[in-house]
């Protein structure tokens, strides 16, 4: 598969795929006899993985480390290191998801109590002196 087709599959630009290969985010792609990139399923899997890990917040530097480790594959330490990169990213993603869930819960609370709070402010039942402390709400 050529670079244009690979880019279209993942909604990336050709320049992005060239960049990923140039800096080492993905392993080198096989070239055909004419010198053009010829993407295999393995290459497409790498692109898919990288695109999703980037969406999850993994840095380009970490992706380079991950791809470099994948190409070394000669020792079990390399496999452990590569797996640790994934574990670290999963932990970071789980932390972000927990934070986002807290923000979501706050938004749900604010939406559900909005009319009630406005009514209390209008009647004087609630004012700046007796307003709730959002950080203490469970």
N, C-alpha and C. Protein backbone atom coordinates (compact mmCIF):
# COMPACT_ATOMS: atom_id res chain seq x y z
N UNK A 1 0.86 -1.17 0.00
CA UNK A 1 0.00 0.00 0.00
C UNK A 1 0.91 1.24 0.00
N UNK A 2 0.53 2.24 -0.78
CA UNK A 2 1.37 3.44 -0.84
C UNK A 2 1.05 4.41 0.30
N UNK A 3 1.86 5.43 0.41
CA UNK A 3 1.75 6.36 1.54
C UNK A 3 0.42 7.13 1.52
N UNK A 4 -0.05 7.48 0.34
CA UNK A 4 -1.31 8.21 0.25
C UNK A 4 -2.47 7.37 0.77
N UNK A 5 -2.49 6.11 0.39
CA UNK A 5 -3.56 5.21 0.85
C UNK A 5 -3.48 5.01 2.37
N UNK A 6 -2.27 4.84 2.87
CA UNK A 6 -2.09 4.66 4.32
C UNK A 6 -2.56 5.91 5.07
N UNK A 7 -2.23 7.07 4.56
CA UNK A 7 -2.64 8.32 5.20
C UNK A 7 -4.16 8.44 5.22
N UNK A 8 -4.80 8.08 4.12
CA UNK A 8 -6.26 8.18 4.04
C UNK A 8 -6.95 7.25 5.03
N UNK A 9 -6.43 6.05 5.21
CA UNK A 9 -7.04 5.09 6.13
C UNK A 9 -7.17 5.69 7.53
N UNK A 10 -6.12 6.41 7.96
CA UNK A 10 -6.08 6.91 9.34
C UNK A 10 -6.33 8.41 9.45
N UNK A 11 -6.79 9.02 8.36
CA UNK A 11 -7.07 10.46 8.34
C UNK A 11 -5.87 11.27 8.80
N UNK A 12 -4.72 10.91 8.31
CA UNK A 12 -3.49 11.64 8.57
C UNK A 12 -2.98 12.21 7.26
N UNK A 13 -2.05 13.12 7.34
CA UNK A 13 -1.45 13.64 6.12
C UNK A 13 -0.24 12.80 5.75
N UNK A 14 0.11 12.85 4.50
CA UNK A 14 1.31 12.17 4.02
C UNK A 14 2.53 12.73 4.76
N UNK A 15 2.53 14.03 4.99
CA UNK A 15 3.64 14.66 5.71
C UNK A 15 3.77 14.11 7.13
N UNK A 16 2.63 13.86 7.78
CA UNK A 16 2.66 13.31 9.13
C UNK A 16 3.30 11.92 9.12
N UNK A 17 2.92 11.09 8.17
CA UNK A 17 3.50 9.74 8.09
C UNK A 17 4.99 9.82 7.81
N UNK A 18 5.40 10.71 6.93
CA UNK A 18 6.84 10.87 6.66
C UNK A 18 7.57 11.32 7.93
N UNK A 19 6.96 12.27 8.64
CA UNK A 19 7.55 12.77 9.89
C UNK A 19 7.68 11.65 10.90
N UNK A 20 6.61 10.88 11.11
CA UNK A 20 6.65 9.77 12.07
C UNK A 20 7.80 8.81 11.76
N UNK A 21 7.99 8.51 10.49
CA UNK A 21 9.07 7.61 10.12
C UNK A 21 10.43 8.28 10.30
N UNK A 22 10.53 9.53 9.88
CA UNK A 22 11.81 10.25 9.95
C UNK A 22 12.34 10.37 11.38
N UNK A 23 11.45 10.69 12.33
CA UNK A 23 11.90 10.88 13.71
C UNK A 23 11.92 9.58 14.50
N UNK A 24 11.35 8.50 13.95
CA UNK A 24 11.41 7.22 14.63
C UNK A 24 10.20 6.88 15.46
N UNK A 25 9.09 7.56 15.23
CA UNK A 25 7.86 7.24 15.96
C UNK A 25 7.31 5.89 15.48
N UNK A 26 7.51 5.61 14.21
CA UNK A 26 7.21 4.29 13.66
C UNK A 26 8.50 3.73 13.07
N UNK A 27 8.62 2.42 13.06
CA UNK A 27 9.83 1.82 12.47
C UNK A 27 9.91 2.14 10.97
N UNK A 28 11.10 2.04 10.40
CA UNK A 28 11.25 2.31 8.97
C UNK A 28 10.31 1.44 8.13
N UNK A 29 9.71 2.06 7.12
CA UNK A 29 8.78 1.37 6.23
C UNK A 29 9.57 0.83 5.04
N UNK A 30 9.24 -0.40 4.66
CA UNK A 30 9.89 -1.03 3.51
C UNK A 30 9.66 -0.18 2.26
N UNK A 31 10.67 -0.12 1.41
CA UNK A 31 10.55 0.60 0.13
C UNK A 31 10.52 -0.42 -1.00
N UNK A 32 9.71 -0.13 -2.01
CA UNK A 32 9.66 -1.03 -3.16
C UNK A 32 10.85 -0.76 -4.08
N UNK A 33 10.91 -1.46 -5.19
CA UNK A 33 12.06 -1.35 -6.09
C UNK A 33 12.21 0.05 -6.68
N UNK A 34 11.14 0.82 -6.69
CA UNK A 34 11.19 2.20 -7.19
C UNK A 34 11.55 3.19 -6.09
N UNK A 35 11.69 2.70 -4.86
CA UNK A 35 12.05 3.58 -3.74
C UNK A 35 10.86 4.17 -3.01
N UNK A 36 9.66 3.81 -3.40
CA UNK A 36 8.46 4.31 -2.72
C UNK A 36 8.14 3.44 -1.51
N UNK A 37 7.58 4.09 -0.49
CA UNK A 37 7.17 3.34 0.70
C UNK A 37 6.07 2.36 0.32
N UNK A 38 6.18 1.16 0.88
CA UNK A 38 5.20 0.10 0.63
C UNK A 38 4.73 -0.39 1.99
N UNK A 39 3.60 0.14 2.45
CA UNK A 39 3.11 -0.13 3.80
C UNK A 39 2.51 -1.53 3.91
N UNK A 40 2.98 -2.26 4.90
CA UNK A 40 2.45 -3.60 5.19
C UNK A 40 1.42 -3.48 6.32
N UNK A 41 0.78 -4.58 6.63
CA UNK A 41 -0.17 -4.60 7.75
C UNK A 41 0.55 -4.22 9.04
N UNK A 42 1.77 -4.70 9.22
CA UNK A 42 2.56 -4.36 10.41
C UNK A 42 2.76 -2.84 10.50
N UNK A 43 3.09 -2.21 9.38
CA UNK A 43 3.27 -0.75 9.36
C UNK A 43 1.97 -0.04 9.70
N UNK A 44 0.87 -0.52 9.14
CA UNK A 44 -0.43 0.09 9.41
C UNK A 44 -0.82 -0.07 10.87
N UNK A 45 -0.49 -1.22 11.46
CA UNK A 45 -0.74 -1.41 12.89
C UNK A 45 0.04 -0.40 13.71
N UNK A 46 1.29 -0.15 13.31
CA UNK A 46 2.10 0.85 14.02
C UNK A 46 1.47 2.23 13.93
N UNK A 47 1.02 2.59 12.75
CA UNK A 47 0.40 3.90 12.57
C UNK A 47 -0.86 4.01 13.43
N UNK A 48 -1.68 2.97 13.42
CA UNK A 48 -2.90 2.96 14.22
C UNK A 48 -2.57 3.10 15.71
N UNK A 49 -1.59 2.34 16.17
CA UNK A 49 -1.18 2.40 17.57
C UNK A 49 -0.67 3.79 17.93
N UNK A 50 0.20 4.33 17.10
CA UNK A 50 0.77 5.66 17.36
C UNK A 50 -0.31 6.73 17.37
N UNK A 51 -1.21 6.68 16.42
CA UNK A 51 -2.27 7.69 16.37
C UNK A 51 -3.09 7.66 17.65
N UNK A 52 -3.43 6.46 18.12
CA UNK A 52 -4.23 6.36 19.34
C UNK A 52 -3.44 6.71 20.59
N UNK A 53 -2.17 6.34 20.65
CA UNK A 53 -1.36 6.72 21.80
C UNK A 53 -1.15 8.23 21.85
N UNK A 54 -1.05 8.87 20.70
CA UNK A 54 -0.94 10.33 20.67
C UNK A 54 -2.23 10.95 21.18
N UNK A 55 -3.38 10.40 20.77
CA UNK A 55 -4.67 10.92 21.26
C UNK A 55 -4.76 10.79 22.76
N UNK A 56 -4.14 9.74 23.30
CA UNK A 56 -4.18 9.51 24.74
C UNK A 56 -3.16 10.36 25.48
N UNK A 57 -2.34 11.09 24.74
CA UNK A 57 -1.42 12.01 25.39
C UNK A 57 0.03 11.57 25.44
N UNK A 58 0.36 10.44 24.85
CA UNK A 58 1.75 9.98 24.86
C UNK A 58 2.59 10.94 24.03
N UNK A 59 3.72 11.34 24.57
CA UNK A 59 4.58 12.29 23.88
C UNK A 59 5.29 11.64 22.69
N UNK A 60 5.72 12.46 21.76
CA UNK A 60 6.48 11.97 20.61
C UNK A 60 7.76 11.29 21.11
N UNK A 61 8.38 11.85 22.14
CA UNK A 61 9.60 11.27 22.68
C UNK A 61 9.37 9.87 23.21
N UNK A 62 8.25 9.66 23.92
CA UNK A 62 7.93 8.33 24.44
C UNK A 62 7.63 7.36 23.31
N UNK A 63 6.98 7.85 22.26
CA UNK A 63 6.70 7.01 21.11
C UNK A 63 7.98 6.60 20.40
N UNK A 64 8.92 7.51 20.32
CA UNK A 64 10.22 7.19 19.71
C UNK A 64 10.91 6.11 20.53
N UNK A 65 10.87 6.27 21.86
CA UNK A 65 11.48 5.27 22.74
C UNK A 65 10.81 3.91 22.53
N UNK A 66 9.50 3.91 22.47
CA UNK A 66 8.73 2.68 22.29
C UNK A 66 9.09 2.00 20.97
N UNK A 67 9.12 2.77 19.89
CA UNK A 67 9.45 2.22 18.56
C UNK A 67 10.89 1.73 18.51
N UNK A 68 11.79 2.47 19.13
CA UNK A 68 13.20 2.06 19.16
C UNK A 68 13.35 0.74 19.90
N UNK A 69 12.68 0.62 21.03
CA UNK A 69 12.73 -0.62 21.79
C UNK A 69 12.17 -1.78 20.98
N UNK A 70 11.12 -1.53 20.22
CA UNK A 70 10.50 -2.58 19.41
C UNK A 70 11.47 -3.12 18.36
N UNK A 71 12.36 -2.28 17.91
CA UNK A 71 13.31 -2.70 16.88
C UNK A 71 14.50 -3.44 17.47
N UNK A 72 14.72 -3.33 18.78
CA UNK A 72 15.85 -4.00 19.42
C UNK A 72 15.54 -5.45 19.77
N UNK A 73 14.35 -5.75 20.14
CA UNK A 73 13.79 -7.06 20.46
C UNK A 73 14.76 -8.20 20.80
N UNK A 74 16.02 -7.93 21.06
CA UNK A 74 16.99 -9.01 21.27
C UNK A 74 17.02 -9.51 22.71
N UNK A 75 16.55 -8.73 23.65
CA UNK A 75 16.62 -9.15 25.04
C UNK A 75 15.26 -8.98 25.70
N UNK A 76 15.09 -9.73 26.78
CA UNK A 76 13.83 -9.63 27.51
C UNK A 76 13.73 -8.26 28.19
N UNK A 77 14.87 -7.65 28.54
CA UNK A 77 14.83 -6.33 29.16
C UNK A 77 14.17 -5.31 28.24
N UNK A 78 14.40 -5.44 26.94
CA UNK A 78 13.77 -4.54 25.98
C UNK A 78 12.26 -4.71 26.01
N UNK A 79 11.80 -5.94 26.04
CA UNK A 79 10.37 -6.19 26.09
C UNK A 79 9.76 -5.64 27.38
N UNK A 80 10.47 -5.79 28.48
CA UNK A 80 9.98 -5.25 29.76
C UNK A 80 9.92 -3.73 29.70
N UNK A 81 10.95 -3.11 29.12
CA UNK A 81 10.98 -1.65 29.02
C UNK A 81 9.85 -1.15 28.14
N UNK A 82 9.61 -1.83 27.04
CA UNK A 82 8.54 -1.43 26.14
C UNK A 82 7.18 -1.57 26.83
N UNK A 83 7.01 -2.66 27.53
CA UNK A 83 5.75 -2.87 28.24
C UNK A 83 5.58 -1.81 29.34
N UNK A 84 6.67 -1.39 29.95
CA UNK A 84 6.59 -0.37 30.99
C UNK A 84 6.14 0.97 30.42
N UNK A 85 6.59 1.30 29.21
CA UNK A 85 6.14 2.53 28.54
C UNK A 85 4.61 2.49 28.42
N UNK A 86 4.09 1.34 28.03
CA UNK A 86 2.63 1.20 27.90
C UNK A 86 1.94 1.28 29.25
N UNK A 87 2.51 0.65 30.25
CA UNK A 87 1.92 0.71 31.61
C UNK A 87 1.89 2.15 32.12
N UNK A 88 3.01 2.86 31.93
CA UNK A 88 3.08 4.25 32.38
C UNK A 88 2.01 5.10 31.70
N UNK A 89 1.83 4.87 30.41
CA UNK A 89 0.82 5.63 29.69
C UNK A 89 -0.58 5.27 30.16
N UNK A 90 -0.82 4.01 30.43
CA UNK A 90 -2.13 3.60 30.93
C UNK A 90 -2.42 4.26 32.27
N UNK A 91 -1.44 4.32 33.15
CA UNK A 91 -1.60 4.97 34.45
C UNK A 91 -1.93 6.45 34.26
N UNK A 92 -1.19 7.10 33.38
CA UNK A 92 -1.43 8.52 33.13
C UNK A 92 -2.83 8.74 32.55
N UNK A 93 -3.24 7.87 31.65
CA UNK A 93 -4.57 7.97 31.06
C UNK A 93 -5.66 7.72 32.11
N UNK A 94 -5.46 6.74 32.97
CA UNK A 94 -6.42 6.48 34.05
C UNK A 94 -6.55 7.69 34.97
N UNK A 95 -5.43 8.34 35.28
CA UNK A 95 -5.46 9.55 36.11
C UNK A 95 -6.26 10.66 35.43
N UNK A 96 -6.02 10.84 34.14
CA UNK A 96 -6.75 11.87 33.38
C UNK A 96 -8.24 11.56 33.35
N UNK A 97 -8.57 10.28 33.15
CA UNK A 97 -9.98 9.89 33.12
C UNK A 97 -10.66 10.17 34.46
N UNK A 98 -9.96 9.91 35.55
CA UNK A 98 -10.52 10.18 36.88
C UNK A 98 -10.77 11.68 37.05
N UNK A 99 -9.81 12.49 36.60
CA UNK A 99 -9.99 13.94 36.68
C UNK A 99 -11.18 14.39 35.83
N UNK A 100 -11.27 13.84 34.64
CA UNK A 100 -12.37 14.21 33.75
C UNK A 100 -13.71 13.78 34.34
N UNK A 101 -13.75 12.63 35.01
CA UNK A 101 -14.99 12.18 35.63
C UNK A 101 -15.40 13.15 36.74
N UNK A 102 -14.44 13.66 37.49
CA UNK A 102 -14.76 14.63 38.53
C UNK A 102 -15.35 15.91 37.93
N UNK A 103 -14.76 16.37 36.85
CA UNK A 103 -15.27 17.56 36.19
C UNK A 103 -16.66 17.29 35.62
N UNK A 104 -16.84 16.11 35.05
CA UNK A 104 -18.15 15.74 34.52
C UNK A 104 -19.20 15.74 35.63
N UNK A 105 -18.85 15.14 36.77
CA UNK A 105 -19.77 15.10 37.90
C UNK A 105 -20.15 16.51 38.34
N UNK A 106 -19.17 17.42 38.37
CA UNK A 106 -19.44 18.80 38.75
C UNK A 106 -20.39 19.45 37.76
N UNK A 107 -20.15 19.24 36.48
CA UNK A 107 -21.04 19.82 35.46
C UNK A 107 -22.45 19.27 35.59
N UNK A 108 -22.58 17.99 35.81
CA UNK A 108 -23.91 17.39 35.99
C UNK A 108 -24.60 18.03 37.19
N UNK A 109 -23.87 18.17 38.29
CA UNK A 109 -24.42 18.80 39.49
C UNK A 109 -24.88 20.23 39.20
N UNK A 110 -24.03 20.99 38.52
CA UNK A 110 -24.36 22.39 38.24
C UNK A 110 -25.60 22.49 37.34
N UNK A 111 -25.70 21.61 36.37
CA UNK A 111 -26.86 21.62 35.47
C UNK A 111 -28.12 21.24 36.24
N UNK A 112 -28.02 20.19 37.06
CA UNK A 112 -29.20 19.71 37.80
C UNK A 112 -29.68 20.71 38.84
N UNK A 113 -28.78 21.50 39.41
CA UNK A 113 -29.17 22.43 40.49
C UNK A 113 -29.24 23.88 40.03
N UNK A 114 -29.01 24.12 38.76
CA UNK A 114 -28.93 25.49 38.25
C UNK A 114 -30.19 26.31 38.55
N UNK A 115 -31.34 25.80 38.13
CA UNK A 115 -32.59 26.54 38.31
C UNK A 115 -32.88 26.79 39.80
N UNK A 116 -32.63 25.78 40.61
CA UNK A 116 -32.85 25.91 42.05
C UNK A 116 -31.96 27.00 42.64
N UNK A 117 -30.70 27.01 42.26
CA UNK A 117 -29.79 28.03 42.78
C UNK A 117 -30.16 29.44 42.32
N UNK A 118 -30.53 29.57 41.09
CA UNK A 118 -30.93 30.88 40.58
C UNK A 118 -32.16 31.38 41.35
N UNK A 119 -33.11 30.47 41.56
CA UNK A 119 -34.32 30.85 42.31
C UNK A 119 -33.97 31.29 43.73
N UNK A 120 -33.06 30.59 44.38
CA UNK A 120 -32.65 30.95 45.74
C UNK A 120 -31.94 32.30 45.77
N UNK A 121 -31.15 32.60 44.76
CA UNK A 121 -30.50 33.91 44.69
C UNK A 121 -31.53 35.01 44.48
N UNK A 122 -32.51 34.74 43.65
CA UNK A 122 -33.54 35.75 43.35
C UNK A 122 -34.40 36.05 44.58
N UNK A 123 -34.66 35.03 45.41
CA UNK A 123 -35.49 35.25 46.60
C UNK A 123 -34.67 35.73 47.78
N UNK A 124 -33.35 35.71 47.65
CA UNK A 124 -32.50 36.13 48.74
C UNK A 124 -32.16 35.02 49.71
N UNK A 125 -32.72 33.83 49.49
CA UNK A 125 -32.44 32.68 50.35
C UNK A 125 -30.95 32.31 50.29
N UNK A 126 -30.31 32.56 49.15
CA UNK A 126 -28.88 32.30 48.98
C UNK A 126 -28.24 33.60 48.51
N UNK A 127 -27.07 33.89 49.10
CA UNK A 127 -26.32 35.07 48.68
C UNK A 127 -24.82 34.77 48.76
N UNK A 128 -24.01 35.76 48.53
CA UNK A 128 -22.56 35.52 48.51
C UNK A 128 -22.01 35.12 49.88
N UNK A 129 -22.78 35.35 50.93
CA UNK A 129 -22.35 34.99 52.28
C UNK A 129 -22.64 33.52 52.62
N UNK A 130 -23.71 32.97 52.08
CA UNK A 130 -24.08 31.59 52.41
C UNK A 130 -24.08 30.67 51.18
N UNK A 131 -23.28 31.00 50.25
CA UNK A 131 -23.19 30.20 49.02
C UNK A 131 -22.48 28.88 49.32
N UNK A 132 -22.84 27.85 48.58
CA UNK A 132 -22.23 26.54 48.79
C UNK A 132 -20.75 26.55 48.40
N UNK A 133 -20.01 25.63 48.98
CA UNK A 133 -18.59 25.44 48.66
C UNK A 133 -18.49 24.25 47.73
N UNK A 134 -18.31 24.52 46.45
CA UNK A 134 -18.34 23.47 45.45
C UNK A 134 -17.30 22.36 45.72
N UNK A 135 -16.17 22.73 46.25
CA UNK A 135 -15.11 21.76 46.49
C UNK A 135 -15.43 20.79 47.62
N UNK A 136 -16.47 21.10 48.41
CA UNK A 136 -16.86 20.21 49.50
C UNK A 136 -18.04 19.33 49.15
N UNK A 137 -18.61 19.51 47.96
CA UNK A 137 -19.77 18.72 47.56
C UNK A 137 -19.30 17.33 47.14
N UNK A 138 -20.02 16.35 47.62
CA UNK A 138 -19.70 14.94 47.27
C UNK A 138 -20.65 14.44 46.23
